[in-house]
Amino acid sequence: MESHYAAVVLSKGGTWKPSTSETPYLLPDSNGLTSWPERSSARCVFRDTRGLELFTLRGKVLPDQIEFIGSPADMDKIPAGASFTITLETRSGTFPIRHGTVIRQEVTITTPLSQQNIPPLSLVDNLQRSATGRKWMPLAGGLVEMVDNSDAGLPIGMAARGERGAVRYFQEFTTPSIEIGVSLLNRNPDQAAWTSVNFGADINSEMGFSVRFETGATANRRIHIGTLTNPMTIIDRAPLVTNTVENNDYYLIRFIHGTKTVALYKGASLEPIAQWPDETDIVPRGIGYRHLSLSFYRSSTWTTKGIQITSITARDAA
């Protein structure tokens, strides 16, 4: 199935909902078909000029057309000149069908970027729903799911669907400094499991910082601060800290670019229980290395879901 060059036209404050008469012309006859294949799905991936993913939008495949609906909150963040690829996923395979460039029809702001007031990014997600949501994008290593813990009077938590799983927040943060708060559940502390909060990372979480909460046998109940080699693997950079994750525990992770230090706080304490200064700049801190991801592991016994995340907040800290 051939991929045709086209354009996506966006305007500030507008919903992107291309009609059949508008580019990128999502009609089946453009590809020599009488109708789009049944039980197909579509997605449109936007990337910046470096090839880094900006946003992925899922589409609805109908027999005579493909529908996309992008909200202004999401589409306003995609700059002119960004690239896009629309892919059709069928039972016969995956086929790119459109590709091209984003054009923005709106007033051009000519103030140099360094003089603009770029608002800090903040994330507040209580995760109390049945699905992970479209802003948490799957990473290599397995899928995640939302776990109903109402049988124990506990909140819904995010965990690996199988033995392993990882997701990335869809949007990159604005600055290298970041604060992240997470609430955790650990319904079976004896089961071997860990959950990692990864930040200052590239889009694939193959490089960046990681704070890992581990549970299992008493000797393995500890906290790691390390650097990523992939979403599921870290290199420890600081001495391990003994710690047992209890239900509804709250932890604050802070990285300040000026001090180059990762610090972890438990509960309301103002004293870090673990910290590590990246004095030799092991982790890059420029644009493209400001992503947040979560990764999960539990032993194959699967009697519980390991360490779950029940809420997460994050914000640019500088």
Protein backbone atom coordinates (compact mmCIF):
# COMPACT_ATOMS: atom_id res chain seq x y z
CA MET A 1 0.00 0.00 0.00
CA GLU A 2 1.61 3.26 -1.14
CA SER A 3 2.27 6.22 1.17
CA HIS A 4 1.29 9.57 -0.38
CA TYR A 5 2.88 12.93 0.43
CA ALA A 6 0.43 15.43 1.92
CA ALA A 7 0.11 18.24 4.46
CA VAL A 8 -1.63 18.68 7.81
CA VAL A 9 -2.99 22.21 8.23
CA LEU A 10 -3.40 23.47 11.80
CA SER A 11 -4.50 26.75 13.35
CA LYS A 12 -4.01 27.96 16.92
CA GLY A 13 -7.04 27.24 19.08
CA GLY A 14 -8.62 25.02 16.44
CA THR A 15 -9.65 21.36 16.53
CA TRP A 16 -7.98 19.25 13.85
CA LYS A 17 -10.73 17.24 12.20
CA PRO A 18 -9.90 16.94 8.49
CA SER A 19 -12.90 16.44 6.20
CA THR A 20 -12.90 14.17 3.16
CA SER A 21 -12.21 17.21 0.94
CA GLU A 22 -9.17 18.37 2.90
CA THR A 23 -5.57 17.25 2.84
CA PRO A 24 -4.33 14.65 3.75
CA TYR A 25 -7.32 13.15 1.83
CA LEU A 26 -8.03 10.07 3.93
CA LEU A 27 -10.24 8.36 1.35
CA PRO A 28 -9.67 4.72 0.36
CA ASP A 29 -9.77 5.43 -3.38
CA SER A 30 -6.58 7.48 -2.96
CA ASN A 31 -4.89 4.13 -2.34
CA GLY A 32 -6.76 2.24 -5.03
CA LEU A 33 -9.24 0.68 -2.58
CA THR A 34 -13.03 0.66 -2.61
CA SER A 35 -13.07 0.73 1.21
CA TRP A 36 -10.63 0.62 4.09
CA PRO A 37 -10.08 -2.91 5.50
CA GLU A 38 -12.39 -4.04 8.30
CA ARG A 39 -11.09 -4.13 11.88
CA SER A 40 -8.32 -1.68 11.06
CA SER A 41 -6.91 1.10 13.20
CA ALA A 42 -4.99 4.24 12.33
CA ARG A 43 -2.55 6.55 14.07
CA CYS A 44 -0.87 9.81 13.15
CA VAL A 45 2.59 10.39 14.64
CA PHE A 46 3.99 13.94 14.68
CA ARG A 47 7.76 14.43 14.98
CA ASP A 48 10.03 17.45 15.25
CA THR A 49 12.85 18.25 12.84
CA ARG A 50 15.21 15.99 14.83
CA GLY A 51 12.88 13.02 14.44
CA LEU A 52 11.79 13.07 18.09
CA GLU A 53 8.16 12.15 18.65
CA LEU A 54 5.93 15.06 19.67
CA PHE A 55 2.48 13.48 19.80
CA THR A 56 0.54 10.44 18.59
CA LEU A 57 -3.14 10.67 17.71
CA ARG A 58 -5.36 7.64 17.19
CA GLY A 59 -7.92 7.69 14.37
CA LYS A 60 -11.21 5.93 13.68
CA VAL A 61 -11.28 3.79 10.54
CA LEU A 62 -14.61 3.76 8.70
CA PRO A 63 -15.27 1.96 5.40
CA ASP A 64 -15.20 5.20 3.40
CA GLN A 65 -12.79 7.37 5.38
CA ILE A 66 -10.45 7.72 8.36
CA GLU A 67 -11.40 10.23 11.04
CA PHE A 68 -8.99 12.09 13.31
CA ILE A 69 -10.01 14.51 16.04
CA GLY A 70 -7.18 16.46 17.68
CA SER A 71 -7.97 18.89 20.50
CA PRO A 72 -6.50 22.42 20.50
CA ALA A 73 -4.62 21.62 23.73
CA ASP A 74 -2.70 18.90 21.89
CA MET A 75 -2.44 20.33 18.38
CA ASP A 76 -1.30 23.82 19.43
CA LYS A 77 1.94 22.26 20.67
CA ILE A 78 2.90 20.94 17.22
CA PRO A 79 5.03 23.54 15.40
CA ALA A 80 5.02 24.46 11.74
CA GLY A 81 7.50 22.32 9.85
CA ALA A 82 6.98 19.25 12.00
CA SER A 83 6.60 16.00 10.08
CA PHE A 84 3.76 13.50 10.31
CA THR A 85 3.17 9.91 9.29
CA ILE A 86 -0.28 8.29 9.16
CA THR A 87 -0.18 4.52 9.51
CA LEU A 88 -2.96 2.02 8.86
CA GLU A 89 -2.82 -1.13 10.98
CA THR A 90 -4.72 -4.08 9.48
CA ARG A 91 -4.92 -7.81 9.97
CA SER A 92 -2.56 -8.14 7.00
CA GLY A 93 0.09 -5.82 8.39
CA THR A 94 1.03 -2.22 9.12
CA PHE A 95 1.11 0.26 6.23
CA PRO A 96 2.18 3.93 6.15
CA ILE A 97 -0.39 5.64 3.92
CA ARG A 98 0.33 9.38 4.30
CA HIS A 99 3.38 11.41 5.22
CA GLY A 100 4.34 15.05 5.00
CA THR A 101 4.65 18.37 6.79
CA VAL A 102 2.61 20.43 9.25
CA ILE A 103 1.51 23.85 8.01
CA ARG A 104 0.17 26.37 10.49
CA GLN A 105 -2.32 28.98 9.24
CA GLU A 106 -2.13 31.60 11.97
CA VAL A 107 -0.45 34.83 13.02
CA THR A 108 3.32 34.37 13.19
CA ILE A 109 5.05 35.40 16.44
CA THR A 110 8.44 36.85 15.58
CA THR A 111 9.79 37.37 19.11
CA PRO A 112 12.99 35.31 19.46
CA LEU A 113 12.45 32.12 21.43
CA SER A 114 14.87 33.18 24.16
CA GLN A 115 12.65 36.21 24.88
CA GLN A 116 9.35 34.35 24.98
CA ASN A 117 7.79 33.29 28.25
CA ILE A 118 7.66 29.51 27.92
CA PRO A 119 5.26 28.20 30.56
CA PRO A 120 6.54 25.35 32.74
CA LEU A 121 4.98 21.96 32.20
CA SER A 122 3.03 20.35 35.01
CA LEU A 123 1.44 16.92 35.23
CA VAL A 124 -1.27 15.92 37.72
CA ASP A 125 -2.72 12.44 37.24
CA ASN A 126 -4.56 10.56 40.01
CA LEU A 127 -4.78 7.45 37.76
CA GLN A 128 -8.20 6.55 39.16
CA ARG A 129 -9.67 5.14 35.94
CA SER A 130 -9.98 1.86 34.06
CA ALA A 131 -7.41 2.57 31.32
CA THR A 132 -3.96 4.15 31.27
CA GLY A 133 -5.11 6.92 28.91
CA ARG A 134 -3.69 8.24 25.66
CA LYS A 135 -1.10 10.47 27.34
CA TRP A 136 0.82 7.42 28.61
CA MET A 137 2.50 5.85 25.60
CA PRO A 138 3.80 2.24 25.56
CA LEU A 139 7.55 1.66 25.56
CA ALA A 140 9.50 -1.46 24.69
CA GLY A 141 9.37 -3.98 27.48
CA GLY A 142 5.66 -4.77 27.77
CA LEU A 143 2.24 -3.23 28.40
CA VAL A 144 0.84 -1.71 31.58
CA GLU A 145 -2.69 -1.71 32.96
CA MET A 146 -4.84 -0.21 35.71
CA VAL A 147 -5.43 -2.53 38.66
CA ASP A 148 -8.66 -2.52 40.69
CA ASN A 149 -7.71 -2.80 44.38
CA SER A 150 -11.20 -2.16 45.77
CA ASP A 151 -11.26 -5.64 47.33
CA ALA A 152 -8.73 -4.28 49.85
CA GLY A 153 -10.25 -0.81 50.09
CA LEU A 154 -7.30 0.65 48.18
CA PRO A 155 -7.15 2.94 45.12
CA ILE A 156 -6.61 1.90 41.52
CA GLY A 157 -2.96 1.51 40.61
CA MET A 158 -0.82 1.32 37.47
CA ALA A 159 1.25 -1.85 37.06
CA ALA A 160 2.66 -4.18 34.41
CA ARG A 161 0.06 -6.27 32.58
CA GLY A 162 2.45 -9.21 32.49
CA GLU A 163 5.85 -9.62 34.05
CA ARG A 164 7.21 -6.34 32.65
CA GLY A 165 5.80 -3.09 31.34
CA ALA A 166 6.77 0.52 30.64
CA VAL A 167 5.09 3.75 29.54
CA ARG A 168 6.23 7.28 28.70
CA TYR A 169 4.38 10.53 29.28
CA PHE A 170 3.59 11.93 25.84
CA GLN A 171 5.09 15.37 26.35
CA GLU A 172 8.65 16.42 27.12
CA PHE A 173 9.25 18.76 30.06
CA THR A 174 10.51 22.29 29.48
CA THR A 175 13.58 22.40 31.72
CA PRO A 176 16.10 19.83 32.98
CA SER A 177 15.07 20.49 36.60
CA ILE A 178 12.04 18.49 37.71
CA GLU A 179 10.02 17.46 40.78
CA ILE A 180 7.98 14.25 40.74
CA GLY A 181 5.62 12.99 43.42
CA VAL A 182 4.31 9.41 43.42
CA SER A 183 1.98 7.45 45.71
CA LEU A 184 2.58 3.71 45.82
CA LEU A 185 0.90 0.44 46.79
CA ASN A 186 2.73 -2.73 47.77
CA ARG A 187 0.10 -5.33 48.64
CA ASN A 188 2.58 -8.17 48.95
CA PRO A 189 5.99 -6.90 50.12
CA ASP A 190 7.41 -10.46 50.01
CA GLN A 191 6.90 -10.83 46.26
CA ALA A 192 9.94 -9.93 44.14
CA ALA A 193 9.06 -6.77 42.23
CA TRP A 194 10.22 -3.26 41.44
CA THR A 195 8.85 -0.04 40.00
CA SER A 196 11.00 2.71 38.47
CA VAL A 197 10.35 6.40 37.94
CA ASN A 198 12.56 7.52 35.03
CA PHE A 199 13.20 11.16 34.14
CA GLY A 200 15.60 13.42 32.29
CA ALA A 201 15.38 10.68 29.67
CA ASP A 202 15.42 10.43 25.89
CA ILE A 203 12.22 9.49 24.07
CA ASN A 204 12.97 5.74 24.31
CA SER A 205 14.19 5.83 27.93
CA GLU A 206 17.55 4.40 26.92
CA MET A 207 19.42 7.19 28.70
CA GLY A 208 18.38 9.21 31.72
CA PHE A 209 17.95 9.09 35.50
CA SER A 210 15.98 6.44 37.38
CA VAL A 211 14.73 5.96 40.94
CA ARG A 212 13.75 2.34 41.52
CA PHE A 213 11.62 1.02 44.40
CA GLU A 214 12.34 -2.67 45.01
CA THR A 215 10.56 -5.22 47.20
CA GLY A 216 10.79 -8.96 47.96
CA ALA A 217 12.85 -10.76 50.56
CA THR A 218 13.82 -8.48 53.43
CA ALA A 219 17.35 -8.03 52.07
CA ASN A 220 15.92 -6.85 48.73
CA ARG A 221 13.62 -4.13 50.08
CA ARG A 222 15.59 -1.14 48.94
CA ILE A 223 15.83 1.97 46.78
CA HIS A 224 18.14 2.44 43.82
CA ILE A 225 19.26 5.67 42.17
CA GLY A 226 20.80 5.01 38.80
CA THR A 227 21.00 5.75 35.10
CA LEU A 228 19.06 4.04 32.33
CA THR A 229 20.36 1.78 29.59
CA ASN A 230 16.80 0.89 28.52
CA PRO A 231 13.37 1.26 30.17
CA MET A 232 13.87 -1.92 32.20
CA THR A 233 17.58 -1.73 33.04
CA ILE A 234 19.58 0.69 35.18
CA ILE A 235 23.14 1.08 36.38
CA ASP A 236 23.23 1.84 40.11
CA ARG A 237 25.06 5.10 40.80
CA ALA A 238 24.52 5.47 44.56
CA PRO A 239 24.65 3.14 47.57
CA LEU A 240 21.41 1.18 47.93
CA VAL A 241 19.09 2.38 50.70
CA THR A 242 17.07 -0.05 52.82
CA ASN A 243 13.37 0.78 52.55
CA THR A 244 10.03 -1.06 52.65
CA VAL A 245 7.29 0.38 50.44
CA GLU A 246 3.98 0.35 52.31
CA ASN A 247 0.49 0.94 50.95
CA ASN A 248 -0.17 4.63 50.23
CA ASP A 249 3.44 5.65 50.76
CA TYR A 250 4.32 8.99 49.15
CA TYR A 251 7.75 9.83 47.69
CA LEU A 252 9.10 13.06 46.19
CA ILE A 253 11.89 12.95 43.63
CA ARG A 254 13.75 16.16 42.89
CA PHE A 255 16.48 16.88 40.35
CA ILE A 256 17.90 20.40 40.23
CA HIS A 257 20.09 21.19 37.24
CA GLY A 258 22.22 23.71 39.15
CA THR A 259 23.33 21.16 41.75
CA LYS A 260 23.23 18.15 39.36
CA THR A 261 21.73 16.14 42.22
CA VAL A 262 18.94 13.57 42.33
CA ALA A 263 17.30 13.55 45.77
CA LEU A 264 14.51 11.33 47.11
CA TYR A 265 12.23 12.26 50.02
CA LYS A 266 9.73 10.02 51.81
CA GLY A 267 6.43 11.30 53.16
CA ALA A 268 6.61 14.84 54.53
CA SER A 269 10.29 14.63 55.47
CA LEU A 270 12.51 17.52 54.41
CA GLU A 271 15.63 15.34 54.60
CA PRO A 272 16.40 13.11 51.61
CA ILE A 273 16.58 9.38 52.27
CA ALA A 274 18.78 8.91 49.18
CA GLN A 275 20.64 11.19 46.79
CA TRP A 276 23.27 11.16 44.06
CA PRO A 277 25.12 14.03 42.34
CA ASP A 278 25.80 13.53 38.62
CA GLU A 279 29.08 15.38 38.94
CA THR A 280 30.55 14.05 35.67
CA ASP A 281 27.40 14.74 33.61
CA ILE A 282 26.72 11.12 32.77
CA VAL A 283 23.19 12.05 31.67
CA PRO A 284 22.68 14.70 28.93
CA ARG A 285 20.37 17.53 29.92
CA GLY A 286 19.44 19.31 26.70
CA ILE A 287 16.24 19.32 24.67
CA GLY A 288 15.26 15.75 23.87
CA TYR A 289 16.44 14.50 27.28
CA ARG A 290 13.55 15.73 29.42
CA HIS A 291 11.07 12.85 29.14
CA LEU A 292 9.33 11.06 32.04
CA SER A 293 8.56 7.35 32.00
CA LEU A 294 7.47 4.58 34.37
CA SER A 295 8.58 0.95 34.30
CA PHE A 296 7.38 -2.08 36.22
CA TYR A 297 8.54 -5.64 36.99
CA ARG A 298 7.14 -8.43 39.10
CA SER A 299 8.16 -12.07 39.49
CA SER A 300 6.46 -14.65 37.30
CA THR A 301 4.40 -15.96 40.22
CA TRP A 302 2.08 -12.95 39.61
CA THR A 303 0.19 -13.48 42.87
CA THR A 304 -0.16 -9.69 43.07
CA LYS A 305 0.72 -6.85 40.75
CA GLY A 306 3.97 -5.76 42.37
CA ILE A 307 4.52 -2.14 43.38
CA GLN A 308 1.72 -0.05 41.86
CA ILE A 309 1.59 3.70 41.26
CA THR A 310 -1.74 5.19 42.35
CA SER A 311 -1.06 8.84 41.54
CA ILE A 312 1.71 10.95 40.01
CA THR A 313 2.45 14.65 39.84
CA ALA A 314 5.39 16.31 38.12
CA ARG A 315 6.48 19.81 37.23
CA ASP A 316 9.38 21.78 35.87
CA ALA A 317 11.32 22.87 38.94
CA ALA A 318 13.19 25.80 37.41
